[in-house]
Structures are given as C-alpha cells and as structure tokens.
C-alpha atoms as a PDB file:
ATOM      1  CA  MET A   1     -36.656 136.943  33.631  1.00  0.00           C
ATOM      2  CA  GLY A   2     -38.448 139.491  31.472  1.00  0.00           C
ATOM      3  CA  GLU A   3     -38.800 141.977  34.297  1.00  0.00           C
ATOM      4  CA  LEU A   4     -35.155 141.571  35.260  1.00  0.00           C
ATOM      5  CA  ALA A   5     -34.076 142.212  31.672  1.00  0.00           C
ATOM      6  CA  TYR A   6     -36.318 145.283  31.520  1.00  0.00           C
ATOM      7  CA  ARG A   7     -35.040 146.654  34.849  1.00  0.00           C
ATOM      8  CA  LEU A   8     -31.463 146.238  33.671  1.00  0.00           C
ATOM      9  CA  GLY A   9     -32.238 148.233  30.542  1.00  0.00           C
ATOM     10  CA  TYR A  10     -32.418 145.464  27.927  1.00  0.00           C
ATOM     11  CA  GLN A  11     -34.878 145.787  25.074  1.00  0.00           C
ATOM     12  CA  SER A  12     -35.803 142.103  25.212  1.00  0.00           C
ATOM     13  CA  GLU A  13     -35.267 138.885  27.136  1.00  0.00           C
ATOM     14  CA  ALA A  14     -33.351 137.521  24.152  1.00  0.00           C
ATOM     15  CA  ALA A  15     -30.854 140.395  24.294  1.00  0.00           C
ATOM     16  CA  PHE A  16     -30.373 139.830  28.028  1.00  0.00           C
ATOM     17  CA  SER A  17     -29.937 136.070  27.526  1.00  0.00           C
ATOM     18  CA  ARG A  18     -27.337 136.547  24.792  1.00  0.00           C
ATOM     19  CA  THR A  19     -25.330 138.959  26.937  1.00  0.00           C
ATOM     20  CA  PHE A  20     -25.616 136.728  30.006  1.00  0.00           C
ATOM     21  CA  LYS A  21     -24.413 133.693  28.067  1.00  0.00           C
ATOM     22  CA  ARG A  22     -21.537 135.622  26.516  1.00  0.00           C
ATOM     23  CA  MET A  23     -20.401 136.928  29.930  1.00  0.00           C
ATOM     24  CA  LYS A  24     -21.051 133.858  32.087  1.00  0.00           C
ATOM     25  CA  GLY A  25     -20.601 131.019  29.615  1.00  0.00           C
ATOM     26  CA  SER A  26     -24.050 129.517  30.179  1.00  0.00           C
ATOM     27  CA  SER A  27     -27.650 130.526  29.716  1.00  0.00           C
ATOM     28  CA  PRO A  28     -29.610 132.148  32.555  1.00  0.00           C
ATOM     29  CA  GLY A  29     -31.681 128.959  32.897  1.00  0.00           C
ATOM     30  CA  ALA A  30     -28.602 126.759  33.176  1.00  0.00           C
ATOM     31  CA  ALA A  31     -27.086 129.125  35.740  1.00  0.00           C
ATOM     32  CA  ARG A  32     -30.320 129.020  37.750  1.00  0.00           C
ATOM     33  CA  MET A  33     -30.337 125.205  37.707  1.00  0.00           C
ATOM     34  CA  ASN A  34     -26.679 125.069  38.775  1.00  0.00           C
ATOM     35  CA  ALA A  35     -27.374 127.520  41.597  1.00  0.00           C
ATOM     36  CA  HIS A  36     -30.269 125.337  42.749  1.00  0.00           C
ATOM     37  CA  LYS A  37     -28.003 122.264  42.731  1.00  0.00           C
ATOM     38  CA  ASP A  38     -25.381 124.163  44.767  1.00  0.00           C
ATOM     39  CA  ILE A  39     -27.953 125.207  47.356  1.00  0.00           C
ATOM     40  CA  THR A  40     -29.340 121.682  47.593  1.00  0.00           C
ATOM     41  CA  SER A  41     -25.906 120.112  48.017  1.00  0.00           C
ATOM     42  CA  ARG A  42     -24.907 122.685  50.629  1.00  0.00           C
ATOM     43  CA  SER A  43     -28.042 122.112  52.669  1.00  0.00           C
ATOM     44  CA  THR A  44     -27.529 118.345  52.513  1.00  0.00           C
ATOM     45  CA  GLY A  45     -23.893 118.730  53.504  1.00  0.00           C
ATOM     46  CA  PHE A  46     -24.836 120.898  56.469  1.00  0.00           C
ATOM     47  CA  ALA A  47     -27.357 118.385  57.724  1.00  0.00           C
ATOM     48  CA  GLU A  48     -24.788 115.592  57.501  1.00  0.00           C
ATOM     49  CA  ALA A  49     -22.117 117.698  59.223  1.00  0.00           C
ATOM     50  CA  ARG A  50     -24.364 118.170  62.255  1.00  0.00           C
ATOM     51  CA  ARG A  51     -24.599 114.423  62.888  1.00  0.00           C
END
C-alpha cells in the first residue's frame, strides 16, 4: 500500500488510510478483504450455475 499512497501523492500510508476510510467508510485492509470475499463468492456461484 505504501507505493500506491506514494503514487497518488500522499506523504504517508497513514494519510492515505485516513482519507480512504473517510471516503469509503472502511479501512483499505477491510475493503481488500471484502473484495476478496466478493470474488470468492462470485467464482463459487459461477461454478454452481454451470451444473
């Protein structure tokens, strides 16, 4: 996440995390975990739909 924060122009990861949480309502880590859960559930759903 440090490189992403730097590329987006933030002075620190903490500054990026605070802004992310304020704008999205959850921390970057929580958003990443939720995205992973969404991907996992979609792939499982697709496999079941093919049967």
